[in-house]
PDB file of N, CA and C in Angstrom:
ATOM      1  N   MET A   1      82.075  88.406 131.175  1.00  0.00           N
ATOM      2  CA  MET A   1      82.453  88.501 130.340  1.00  0.00           C
ATOM      3  C   MET A   1      82.520  87.321 129.590  1.00  0.00           C
ATOM      4  N   SER A   2      83.567  87.309 127.550  1.00  0.00           N
ATOM      5  CA  SER A   2      83.148  86.638 126.577  1.00  0.00           C
ATOM      6  C   SER A   2      85.396  86.731 126.717  1.00  0.00           C
ATOM      7  N   GLN A   3      85.483  85.251 126.485  1.00  0.00           N
ATOM      8  CA  GLN A   3      86.760  84.581 126.447  1.00  0.00           C
ATOM      9  C   GLN A   3      87.399  84.857 124.828  1.00  0.00           C
ATOM     10  N   SER A   4      88.206  84.967 124.171  1.00  0.00           N
ATOM     11  CA  SER A   4      88.035  84.307 121.982  1.00  0.00           C
ATOM     12  C   SER A   4      89.491  84.053 123.163  1.00  0.00           C
ATOM     13  N   TYR A   5      89.918  83.409 121.591  1.00  0.00           N
ATOM     14  CA  TYR A   5      91.430  83.214 121.425  1.00  0.00           C
ATOM     15  C   TYR A   5      92.092  83.721 121.120  1.00  0.00           C
ATOM     16  N   TYR A   6      91.552  84.627 120.683  1.00  0.00           N
ATOM     17  CA  TYR A   6      92.612  85.955 119.768  1.00  0.00           C
ATOM     18  C   TYR A   6      91.863  86.712 120.327  1.00  0.00           C
ATOM     19  N   ASP A   7      93.610  87.803 121.713  1.00  0.00           N
ATOM     20  CA  ASP A   7      93.259  88.574 121.949  1.00  0.00           C
ATOM     21  C   ASP A   7      93.388  89.795 121.393  1.00  0.00           C
ATOM     22  N   PRO A   8      92.783  90.916 120.998  1.00  0.00           N
ATOM     23  CA  PRO A   8      93.485  91.945 120.858  1.00  0.00           C
ATOM     24  C   PRO A   8      94.740  92.751 121.016  1.00  0.00           C
ATOM     25  N   LYS A   9      94.872  93.152 122.229  1.00  0.00           N
ATOM     26  CA  LYS A   9      96.106  93.279 122.495  1.00  0.00           C
ATOM     27  C   LYS A   9      97.333  92.747 122.068  1.00  0.00           C
ATOM     28  N   ASP A  10      97.266  91.778 121.636  1.00  0.00           N
ATOM     29  CA  ASP A  10      98.461  91.040 121.401  1.00  0.00           C
ATOM     30  C   ASP A  10      99.039  91.630 119.771  1.00  0.00           C
ATOM     31  N   LEU A  11      97.490  92.431 119.210  1.00  0.00           N
ATOM     32  CA  LEU A  11      97.711  92.750 117.853  1.00  0.00           C
ATOM     33  C   LEU A  11      99.064  93.546 118.271  1.00  0.00           C
ATOM     34  N   LYS A  12      99.230  94.314 119.217  1.00  0.00           N
ATOM     35  CA  LYS A  12     100.271  95.501 119.432  1.00  0.00           C
ATOM     36  C   LYS A  12     102.111  94.467 120.075  1.00  0.00           C
ATOM     37  N   LYS A  13     101.529  93.119 120.467  1.00  0.00           N
ATOM     38  CA  LYS A  13     103.001  91.963 120.419  1.00  0.00           C
ATOM     39  C   LYS A  13     102.878  92.084 119.035  1.00  0.00           C
ATOM     40  N   PHE A  14     103.695  91.922 118.495  1.00  0.00           N
ATOM     41  CA  PHE A  14     103.254  91.862 116.737  1.00  0.00           C
ATOM     42  C   PHE A  14     105.262  91.767 116.579  1.00  0.00           C
ATOM     43  N   GLY A  15     105.491  92.377 117.193  1.00  0.00           N
ATOM     44  CA  GLY A  15     106.902  93.217 117.106  1.00  0.00           C
ATOM     45  C   GLY A  15     108.313  92.313 118.033  1.00  0.00           C
ATOM     46  N   ASP A  16     107.313  91.506 118.919  1.00  0.00           N
ATOM     47  CA  ASP A  16     108.234  90.613 120.203  1.00  0.00           C
ATOM     48  C   ASP A  16     108.109  88.975 119.232  1.00  0.00           C
ATOM     49  N   ILE A  17     107.930  89.230 117.849  1.00  0.00           N
ATOM     50  CA  ILE A  17     108.544  87.589 117.311  1.00  0.00           C
ATOM     51  C   ILE A  17     109.452  88.102 116.703  1.00  0.00           C
ATOM     52  N   ALA A  18     110.426  88.852 117.211  1.00  0.00           N
ATOM     53  CA  ALA A  18     111.772  88.982 116.685  1.00  0.00           C
ATOM     54  C   ALA A  18     112.813  88.062 117.797  1.00  0.00           C
ATOM     55  N   GLU A  19     111.589  87.756 119.637  1.00  0.00           N
ATOM     56  CA  GLU A  19     112.345  87.545 120.285  1.00  0.00           C
ATOM     57  C   GLU A  19     113.039  86.139 119.766  1.00  0.00           C
ATOM     58  N   PHE A  20     112.303  85.095 118.539  1.00  0.00           N
ATOM     59  CA  PHE A  20     113.218  84.057 118.995  1.00  0.00           C
ATOM     60  C   PHE A  20     113.790  83.964 117.359  1.00  0.00           C
ATOM     61  N   GLU A  21     113.727  85.055 116.843  1.00  0.00           N
ATOM     62  CA  GLU A  21     114.577  84.512 115.879  1.00  0.00           C
ATOM     63  C   GLU A  21     115.171  85.641 114.496  1.00  0.00           C
ATOM     64  N   PRO A  22     115.472  86.808 115.494  1.00  0.00           N
ATOM     65  CA  PRO A  22     115.454  88.640 114.810  1.00  0.00           C
ATOM     66  C   PRO A  22     116.264  88.542 114.007  1.00  0.00           C
ATOM     67  N   GLU A  23     117.436  87.515 113.072  1.00  0.00           N
ATOM     68  CA  GLU A  23     117.100  87.887 111.874  1.00  0.00           C
ATOM     69  C   GLU A  23     115.150  87.422 111.270  1.00  0.00           C
ATOM     70  N   LEU A  24     115.605  87.093 111.096  1.00  0.00           N
ATOM     71  CA  LEU A  24     114.684  86.502 110.238  1.00  0.00           C
ATOM     72  C   LEU A  24     112.904  87.696 109.994  1.00  0.00           C
ATOM     73  N   ALA A  25     112.921  87.669 111.934  1.00  0.00           N
ATOM     74  CA  ALA A  25     111.972  88.559 111.659  1.00  0.00           C
ATOM     75  C   ALA A  25     112.857  90.426 111.338  1.00  0.00           C
ATOM     76  N   GLU A  26     113.801  90.503 111.840  1.00  0.00           N
ATOM     77  CA  GLU A  26     114.315  92.010 110.572  1.00  0.00           C
ATOM     78  C   GLU A  26     113.947  92.339 109.267  1.00  0.00           C
ATOM     79  N   LYS A  27     114.636  90.886 108.812  1.00  0.00           N
ATOM     80  CA  LYS A  27     113.974  90.700 107.282  1.00  0.00           C
ATOM     81  C   LYS A  27     113.054  91.527 106.937  1.00  0.00           C
ATOM     82  N   PHE A  28     111.531  90.144 107.916  1.00  0.00           N
ATOM     83  CA  PHE A  28     110.086  90.402 107.721  1.00  0.00           C
ATOM     84  C   PHE A  28     109.563  91.596 107.747  1.00  0.00           C
ATOM     85  N   PHE A  29     110.197  92.439 108.786  1.00  0.00           N
ATOM     86  CA  PHE A  29     109.271  93.471 108.369  1.00  0.00           C
ATOM     87  C   PHE A  29     109.982  95.189 107.628  1.00  0.00           C
ATOM     88  N   SER A  30     111.498  93.998 107.446  1.00  0.00           N
ATOM     89  CA  SER A  30     112.067  94.952 106.516  1.00  0.00           C
ATOM     90  C   SER A  30     110.974  95.355 105.034  1.00  0.00           C
ATOM     91  N   TYR A  31     111.226  94.070 104.773  1.00  0.00           N
ATOM     92  CA  TYR A  31     109.837  93.580 103.366  1.00  0.00           C
ATOM     93  C   TYR A  31     108.725  94.394 103.325  1.00  0.00           C
ATOM     94  N   TYR A  32     107.676  94.178 104.280  1.00  0.00           N
ATOM     95  CA  TYR A  32     106.386  94.696 105.009  1.00  0.00           C
ATOM     96  C   TYR A  32     106.563  96.509 104.581  1.00  0.00           C
ATOM     97  N   GLY A  33     107.370  96.956 105.839  1.00  0.00           N
ATOM     98  CA  GLY A  33     107.851  98.069 105.473  1.00  0.00           C
ATOM     99  C   GLY A  33     108.020  98.282 103.909  1.00  0.00           C
ATOM    100  N   SER A  34     108.579  97.634 103.136  1.00  0.00           N
ATOM    101  CA  SER A  34     108.908  98.312 101.863  1.00  0.00           C
ATOM    102  C   SER A  34     107.874  98.084 100.799  1.00  0.00           C
ATOM    103  N   VAL A  35     106.895  96.633 100.693  1.00  0.00           N
ATOM    104  CA  VAL A  35     105.906  96.255 100.355  1.00  0.00           C
ATOM    105  C   VAL A  35     105.209  97.648 101.057  1.00  0.00           C
ATOM    106  N   PHE A  36     104.575  97.992 102.035  1.00  0.00           N
ATOM    107  CA  PHE A  36     103.111  98.928 102.603  1.00  0.00           C
ATOM    108  C   PHE A  36     103.777 100.125 102.103  1.00  0.00           C
ATOM    109  N   ALA A  37     104.944 100.191 100.916  1.00  0.00           N
ATOM    110  CA  ALA A  37     104.658 102.057 101.003  1.00  0.00           C
ATOM    111  C   ALA A  37     104.267 102.215  99.680  1.00  0.00           C
ATOM    112  N   GLU A  38     104.442 103.673  99.223  1.00  0.00           N
ATOM    113  CA  GLU A  38     103.615 104.468  98.424  1.00  0.00           C
ATOM    114  C   GLU A  38     104.045 103.670  97.024  1.00  0.00           C
ATOM    115  N   GLY A  39     104.438 103.745  96.023  1.00  0.00           N
ATOM    116  CA  GLY A  39     104.750 102.636  95.053  1.00  0.00           C
ATOM    117  C   GLY A  39     103.513 103.202  93.558  1.00  0.00           C
ATOM    118  N   GLU A  40     103.177 101.942  92.683  1.00  0.00           N
ATOM    119  CA  GLU A  40     102.031 102.488  91.580  1.00  0.00           C
ATOM    120  C   GLU A  40     100.921 102.729  92.610  1.00  0.00           C
ATOM    121  N   LEU A  41     101.217 101.535  94.217  1.00  0.00           N
ATOM    122  CA  LEU A  41      99.047 101.714  94.536  1.00  0.00           C
ATOM    123  C   LEU A  41      99.741 102.754  95.374  1.00  0.00           C
ATOM    124  N   THR A  42      98.916 103.664  95.933  1.00  0.00           N
ATOM    125  CA  THR A  42      98.460 104.689  96.928  1.00  0.00           C
ATOM    126  C   THR A  42      98.464 103.626  98.140  1.00  0.00           C
ATOM    127  N   ALA A  43      98.676 104.248  99.486  1.00  0.00           N
ATOM    128  CA  ALA A  43      99.344 103.195 100.741  1.00  0.00           C
ATOM    129  C   ALA A  43      97.166 103.041 100.976  1.00  0.00           C
ATOM    130  N   ARG A  44      96.656 104.249 100.960  1.00  0.00           N
ATOM    131  CA  ARG A  44      95.054 103.442 100.395  1.00  0.00           C
ATOM    132  C   ARG A  44      94.495 102.069 100.460  1.00  0.00           C
ATOM    133  N   GLU A  45      95.299 102.701  99.206  1.00  0.00           N
ATOM    134  CA  GLU A  45      95.110 101.470  97.830  1.00  0.00           C
ATOM    135  C   GLU A  45      95.240 100.016  98.879  1.00  0.00           C
ATOM    136  N   LYS A  46      96.532 100.129  99.189  1.00  0.00           N
ATOM    137  CA  LYS A  46      96.854  98.746 100.081  1.00  0.00           C
ATOM    138  C   LYS A  46      96.438  99.233 100.877  1.00  0.00           C
ATOM    139  N   ALA A  47      96.460  99.456 101.628  1.00  0.00           N
ATOM    140  CA  ALA A  47      95.501  99.024 102.450  1.00  0.00           C
ATOM    141  C   ALA A  47      94.035  98.359 102.363  1.00  0.00           C
ATOM    142  N   LEU A  48      93.161  98.324 101.148  1.00  0.00           N
ATOM    143  CA  LEU A  48      92.150  98.073 101.311  1.00  0.00           C
ATOM    144  C   LEU A  48      91.977  96.478 100.914  1.00  0.00           C
ATOM    145  N   ILE A  49      93.349  96.867 100.081  1.00  0.00           N
ATOM    146  CA  ILE A  49      93.878  95.504  99.269  1.00  0.00           C
ATOM    147  C   ILE A  49      93.939  94.226 100.595  1.00  0.00           C
ATOM    148  N   ALA A  50      95.071  94.707 101.824  1.00  0.00           N
ATOM    149  CA  ALA A  50      94.767  94.239 102.710  1.00  0.00           C
ATOM    150  C   ALA A  50      93.675  93.981 103.739  1.00  0.00           C
ATOM    151  N   LEU A  51      93.296  94.412 103.523  1.00  0.00           N
ATOM    152  CA  LEU A  51      91.662  94.204 104.338  1.00  0.00           C
ATOM    153  C   LEU A  51      91.047  93.239 104.007  1.00  0.00           C
ATOM    154  N   ALA A  52      90.873  93.288 102.433  1.00  0.00           N
ATOM    155  CA  ALA A  52      90.599  92.055 101.946  1.00  0.00           C
ATOM    156  C   ALA A  52      90.662  91.250 102.130  1.00  0.00           C
ATOM    157  N   VAL A  53      92.569  91.058 102.111  1.00  0.00           N
ATOM    158  CA  VAL A  53      92.713  90.038 102.384  1.00  0.00           C
ATOM    159  C   VAL A  53      93.221  89.276 103.279  1.00  0.00           C
ATOM    160  N   ALA A  54      93.021  89.893 105.165  1.00  0.00           N
ATOM    161  CA  ALA A  54      92.667  89.484 106.284  1.00  0.00           C
ATOM    162  C   ALA A  54      91.626  89.020 106.033  1.00  0.00           C
ATOM    163  N   HIS A  55      90.339  88.993 105.039  1.00  0.00           N
ATOM    164  CA  HIS A  55      89.290  88.683 105.673  1.00  0.00           C
ATOM    165  C   HIS A  55      88.888  87.105 105.104  1.00  0.00           C
ATOM    166  N   ALA A  56      89.564  87.350 103.427  1.00  0.00           N
ATOM    167  CA  ALA A  56      90.309  85.946 103.354  1.00  0.00           C
ATOM    168  C   ALA A  56      90.979  85.342 104.227  1.00  0.00           C
ATOM    169  N   VAL A  57      91.500  85.129 104.939  1.00  0.00           N
ATOM    170  CA  VAL A  57      92.623  85.112 105.057  1.00  0.00           C
ATOM    171  C   VAL A  57      91.672  83.986 106.592  1.00  0.00           C
ATOM    172  N   GLN A  58      90.783  85.410 106.991  1.00  0.00           N
ATOM    173  CA  GLN A  58      90.345  85.111 108.315  1.00  0.00           C
ATOM    174  C   GLN A  58      91.881  85.629 109.613  1.00  0.00           C
ATOM    175  N   CYS A  59      92.177  86.768 109.644  1.00  0.00           N
ATOM    176  CA  CYS A  59      93.080  87.112 110.203  1.00  0.00           C
ATOM    177  C   CYS A  59      92.867  88.271 111.391  1.00  0.00           C
ATOM    178  N   PRO A  60      92.180  87.722 112.899  1.00  0.00           N
ATOM    179  CA  PRO A  60      91.378  89.230 113.358  1.00  0.00           C
ATOM    180  C   PRO A  60      92.340  90.122 113.770  1.00  0.00           C
ATOM    181  N   TYR A  61      93.919  90.197 113.898  1.00  0.00           N
ATOM    182  CA  TYR A  61      94.585  90.718 114.025  1.00  0.00           C
ATOM    183  C   TYR A  61      94.626  91.866 112.846  1.00  0.00           C
ATOM    184  N   CYS A  62      94.868  91.465 111.392  1.00  0.00           N
ATOM    185  CA  CYS A  62      94.936  92.101 110.051  1.00  0.00           C
ATOM    186  C   CYS A  62      93.848  92.822 110.422  1.00  0.00           C
ATOM    187  N   ILE A  63      92.965  91.826 110.019  1.00  0.00           N
ATOM    188  CA  ILE A  63      91.373  93.099 110.003  1.00  0.00           C
ATOM    189  C   ILE A  63      91.034  93.785 110.244  1.00  0.00           C
ATOM    190  N   ASP A  64      91.739  93.452 112.226  1.00  0.00           N
ATOM    191  CA  ASP A  64      91.942  95.697 112.970  1.00  0.00           C
ATOM    192  C   ASP A  64      92.774  96.572 112.591  1.00  0.00           C
ATOM    193  N   ALA A  65      93.559  95.752 112.164  1.00  0.00           N
ATOM    194  CA  ALA A  65      94.809  96.837 111.944  1.00  0.00           C
ATOM    195  C   ALA A  65      94.303  97.742 110.618  1.00  0.00           C
ATOM    196  N   TYR A  66      93.685  96.747 109.504  1.00  0.00           N
ATOM    197  CA  TYR A  66      93.455  96.988 108.494  1.00  0.00           C
ATOM    198  C   TYR A  66      92.490  97.839 108.189  1.00  0.00           C
ATOM    199  N   THR A  67      91.792  97.312 109.405  1.00  0.00           N
ATOM    200  CA  THR A  67      90.318  98.058 109.103  1.00  0.00           C
ATOM    201  C   THR A  67      90.952 100.012 109.530  1.00  0.00           C
ATOM    202  N   GLU A  68      91.539  99.718 110.640  1.00  0.00           N
ATOM    203  CA  GLU A  68      92.404 101.320 111.768  1.00  0.00           C
ATOM    204  C   GLU A  68      92.995 101.779 110.237  1.00  0.00           C
ATOM    205  N   THR A  69      94.303 100.981 109.159  1.00  0.00           N
ATOM    206  CA  THR A  69      94.760 101.974 108.239  1.00  0.00           C
ATOM    207  C   THR A  69      93.651 102.321 107.107  1.00  0.00           C
ATOM    208  N   SER A  70      92.890 101.549 106.868  1.00  0.00           N
ATOM    209  CA  SER A  70      91.727 102.032 105.863  1.00  0.00           C
ATOM    210  C   SER A  70      91.504 103.322 106.024  1.00  0.00           C
ATOM    211  N   LEU A  71      90.338 103.219 107.773  1.00  0.00           N
ATOM    212  CA  LEU A  71      89.852 104.670 107.946  1.00  0.00           C
ATOM    213  C   LEU A  71      91.306 106.203 107.928  1.00  0.00           C
ATOM    214  N   GLU A  72      92.976 105.188 108.678  1.00  0.00           N
ATOM    215  CA  GLU A  72      93.777 106.638 108.629  1.00  0.00           C
ATOM    216  C   GLU A  72      93.645 106.792 106.779  1.00  0.00           C
ATOM    217  N   LYS A  73      94.190 105.991 106.377  1.00  0.00           N
ATOM    218  CA  LYS A  73      94.674 106.214 104.860  1.00  0.00           C
ATOM    219  C   LYS A  73      93.159 107.156 104.228  1.00  0.00           C
ATOM    220  N   GLY A  74      91.724 107.273 104.833  1.00  0.00           N
ATOM    221  CA  GLY A  74      91.359 107.590 104.435  1.00  0.00           C
ATOM    222  C   GLY A  74      89.468 106.935 103.505  1.00  0.00           C
ATOM    223  N   ALA A  75      89.713 106.072 103.408  1.00  0.00           N
ATOM    224  CA  ALA A  75      89.060 104.719 103.146  1.00  0.00           C
ATOM    225  C   ALA A  75      87.498 105.118 104.051  1.00  0.00           C
ATOM    226  N   ASN A  76      86.619 105.036 103.411  1.00  0.00           N
ATOM    227  CA  ASN A  76      85.424 105.214 104.062  1.00  0.00           C
ATOM    228  C   ASN A  76      84.583 103.995 104.114  1.00  0.00           C
ATOM    229  N   GLU A  77      84.058 103.326 104.999  1.00  0.00           N
ATOM    230  CA  GLU A  77      83.138 101.898 105.728  1.00  0.00           C
ATOM    231  C   GLU A  77      82.908 101.696 104.050  1.00  0.00           C
ATOM    232  N   ALA A  78      81.855 102.493 103.048  1.00  0.00           N
ATOM    233  CA  ALA A  78      81.005 101.996 102.026  1.00  0.00           C
ATOM    234  C   ALA A  78      82.411 100.867 101.897  1.00  0.00           C
ATOM    235  N   GLN A  79      84.027 101.970 100.817  1.00  0.00           N
ATOM    236  CA  GLN A  79      84.393 101.236 100.126  1.00  0.00           C
ATOM    237  C   GLN A  79      85.394 100.186 101.205  1.00  0.00           C
ATOM    238  N   MET A  80      85.402  99.315 102.015  1.00  0.00           N
ATOM    239  CA  MET A  80      86.309  98.998 103.471  1.00  0.00           C
ATOM    240  C   MET A  80      85.355  98.098 102.874  1.00  0.00           C
ATOM    241  N   MET A  81      83.723  98.186 102.881  1.00  0.00           N
ATOM    242  CA  MET A  81      83.336  96.744 102.770  1.00  0.00           C
ATOM    243  C   MET A  81      82.959  96.172 101.343  1.00  0.00           C
ATOM    244  N   GLU A  82      83.085  97.112 100.328  1.00  0.00           N
ATOM    245  CA  GLU A  82      83.320  96.722  99.003  1.00  0.00           C
ATOM    246  C   GLU A  82      84.315  95.666  98.966  1.00  0.00           C
ATOM    247  N   ALA A  83      85.452  96.373  99.920  1.00  0.00           N
ATOM    248  CA  ALA A  83      86.644  95.419  99.491  1.00  0.00           C
ATOM    249  C   ALA A  83      86.132  93.760 100.117  1.00  0.00           C
ATOM    250  N   VAL A  84      85.845  94.363 100.593  1.00  0.00           N
ATOM    251  CA  VAL A  84      85.553  92.102 101.662  1.00  0.00           C
ATOM    252  C   VAL A  84      84.919  91.710 101.208  1.00  0.00           C
ATOM    253  N   HIS A  85      83.635  91.839  99.951  1.00  0.00           N
ATOM    254  CA  HIS A  85      82.615  91.921  99.134  1.00  0.00           C
ATOM    255  C   HIS A  85      84.023  91.396  98.245  1.00  0.00           C
ATOM    256  N   VAL A  86      84.578  92.246  97.595  1.00  0.00           N
ATOM    257  CA  VAL A  86      85.187  91.632  96.266  1.00  0.00           C
ATOM    258  C   VAL A  86      86.142  89.894  96.916  1.00  0.00           C
ATOM    259  N   ALA A  87      86.816  90.343  98.003  1.00  0.00           N
ATOM    260  CA  ALA A  87      87.781  88.599  98.566  1.00  0.00           C
ATOM    261  C   ALA A  87      86.674  87.480  99.249  1.00  0.00           C
ATOM    262  N   CYS A  88      85.025  88.008  99.197  1.00  0.00           N
ATOM    263  CA  CYS A  88      83.980  87.157  99.076  1.00  0.00           C
ATOM    264  C   CYS A  88      83.647  86.209  98.151  1.00  0.00           C
ATOM    265  N   ALA A  89      83.969  87.550  96.891  1.00  0.00           N
ATOM    266  CA  ALA A  89      83.493  87.057  95.875  1.00  0.00           C
ATOM    267  C   ALA A  89      84.795  85.415  95.275  1.00  0.00           C
ATOM    268  N   ILE A  90      85.580  86.303  95.784  1.00  0.00           N
ATOM    269  CA  ILE A  90      87.196  85.760  94.713  1.00  0.00           C
ATOM    270  C   ILE A  90      87.094  84.157  95.920  1.00  0.00           C
ATOM    271  N   ARG A  91      87.083  84.338  97.176  1.00  0.00           N
ATOM    272  CA  ARG A  91      86.691  82.815  98.154  1.00  0.00           C
ATOM    273  C   ARG A  91      85.938  81.885  97.375  1.00  0.00           C
ATOM    274  N   GLY A  92      84.759  82.839  97.731  1.00  0.00           N
ATOM    275  CA  GLY A  92      83.881  81.747  96.994  1.00  0.00           C
ATOM    276  C   GLY A  92      84.165  80.503  95.462  1.00  0.00           C
ATOM    277  N   GLY A  93      84.913  82.293  94.222  1.00  0.00           N
ATOM    278  CA  GLY A  93      84.296  81.694  93.649  1.00  0.00           C
ATOM    279  C   GLY A  93      85.484  80.130  93.033  1.00  0.00           C
ATOM    280  N   ALA A  94      86.704  80.373  94.203  1.00  0.00           N
ATOM    281  CA  ALA A  94      87.785  79.952  94.118  1.00  0.00           C
ATOM    282  C   ALA A  94      87.418  78.365  94.416  1.00  0.00           C
ATOM    283  N   SER A  95      86.495  78.808  95.450  1.00  0.00           N
ATOM    284  CA  SER A  95      85.653  77.039  96.654  1.00  0.00           C
ATOM    285  C   SER A  95      84.387  76.260  94.521  1.00  0.00           C
ATOM    286  N   LEU A  96      84.434  76.842  94.460  1.00  0.00           N
ATOM    287  CA  LEU A  96      83.252  77.545  93.637  1.00  0.00           C
ATOM    288  C   LEU A  96      84.635  77.055  92.266  1.00  0.00           C
ATOM    289  N   VAL A  97      85.394  76.795  92.287  1.00  0.00           N
ATOM    290  CA  VAL A  97      85.786  76.489  90.454  1.00  0.00           C
ATOM    291  C   VAL A  97      85.985  75.018  90.746  1.00  0.00           C
ATOM    292  N   HIS A  98      87.123  74.448  91.901  1.00  0.00           N
ATOM    293  CA  HIS A  98      87.170  73.127  91.605  1.00  0.00           C
ATOM    294  C   HIS A  98      85.785  72.854  92.645  1.00  0.00           C
ATOM    295  N   GLY A  99      84.856  72.723  91.974  1.00  0.00           N
ATOM    296  CA  GLY A  99      83.540  71.863  92.005  1.00  0.00           C
ATOM    297  C   GLY A  99      84.035  70.895  90.627  1.00  0.00           C
ATOM    298  N   VAL A 100      84.464  71.860  89.419  1.00  0.00           N
ATOM    299  CA  VAL A 100      84.758  70.739  88.486  1.00  0.00           C
ATOM    300  C   VAL A 100      85.687  70.266  88.438  1.00  0.00           C
ATOM    301  N   GLN A 101      86.705  70.450  89.060  1.00  0.00           N
ATOM    302  CA  GLN A 101      87.535  68.987  89.331  1.00  0.00           C
ATOM    303  C   GLN A 101      86.174  67.138  90.211  1.00  0.00           C
ATOM    304  N   MET A 102      85.895  67.987  91.651  1.00  0.00           N
ATOM    305  CA  MET A 102      84.997  66.630  91.813  1.00  0.00           C
ATOM    306  C   MET A 102      84.516  65.643  89.915  1.00  0.00           C
ATOM    307  N   MET A 103      83.714  67.235  89.574  1.00  0.00           N
ATOM    308  CA  MET A 103      82.754  66.843  88.444  1.00  0.00           C
ATOM    309  C   MET A 103      83.955  66.235  87.985  1.00  0.00           C
ATOM    310  N   ASN A 104      84.003  65.908  87.271  1.00  0.00           N
ATOM    311  CA  ASN A 104      85.869  65.496  86.390  1.00  0.00           C
ATOM    312  C   ASN A 104      85.932  63.749  87.008  1.00  0.00           C
ATOM    313  N   LYS A 105      86.024  63.992  88.803  1.00  0.00           N
ATOM    314  CA  LYS A 105      86.373  62.995  88.929  1.00  0.00           C
ATOM    315  C   LYS A 105      85.086  62.135  89.060  1.00  0.00           C
ATOM    316  N   ALA A 106      83.932  62.470  89.564  1.00  0.00           N
ATOM    317  CA  ALA A 106      82.690  62.118  89.542  1.00  0.00           C
ATOM    318  C   ALA A 106      82.002  61.320  88.340  1.00  0.00           C
ATOM    319  N   LYS A 107      82.974  61.490  87.528  1.00  0.00           N
ATOM    320  CA  LYS A 107      81.710  61.228  85.594  1.00  0.00           C
ATOM    321  C   LYS A 107      82.751  59.642  85.913  1.00  0.00           C
ATOM    322  N   LYS A 108      84.411  60.174  85.333  1.00  0.00           N
ATOM    323  CA  LYS A 108      85.338  59.161  85.498  1.00  0.00           C
ATOM    324  C   LYS A 108      84.840  58.093  86.314  1.00  0.00           C
ATOM    325  N   ILE A 109      85.114  57.940  87.436  1.00  0.00           N
ATOM    326  CA  ILE A 109      84.619  56.609  87.766  1.00  0.00           C
ATOM    327  C   ILE A 109      82.983  56.718  87.246  1.00  0.00           C
ATOM    328  N   GLY A 110      82.282  57.435  87.587  1.00  0.00           N
ATOM    329  CA  GLY A 110      81.626  56.026  86.930  1.00  0.00           C
ATOM    330  C   GLY A 110      81.067  55.412  85.693  1.00  0.00           C
ATOM    331  N   MET A 111      81.832  56.229  85.199  1.00  0.00           N
ATOM    332  CA  MET A 111      82.239  55.698  83.386  1.00  0.00           C
ATOM    333  C   MET A 111      81.983  53.774  83.315  1.00  0.00           C
TER     334      MET A 111
END
């Protein structure tokens, strides 16, 4: 049996964070609920954005949650994978663009 640092059952305990700091947890969950309410973006669009961000920040709990939510909100597997590729492109580009900083420093030292 394989063990992991991340236990999928812990996702269901997310609300338990209020135990140690109820006031801040209440504020967070209120904000969180407002963010994911229908607005200029549909709930499906927000779920796909959350799924992409979950991959960018590498949160296995969020990946599980927003895979399920994306499917529930009507996204299909191809749309979800496309969202993951968008996250990959942005994350990769963010790493590469910092190469300019390295190049600038290397050129300055080399002068």
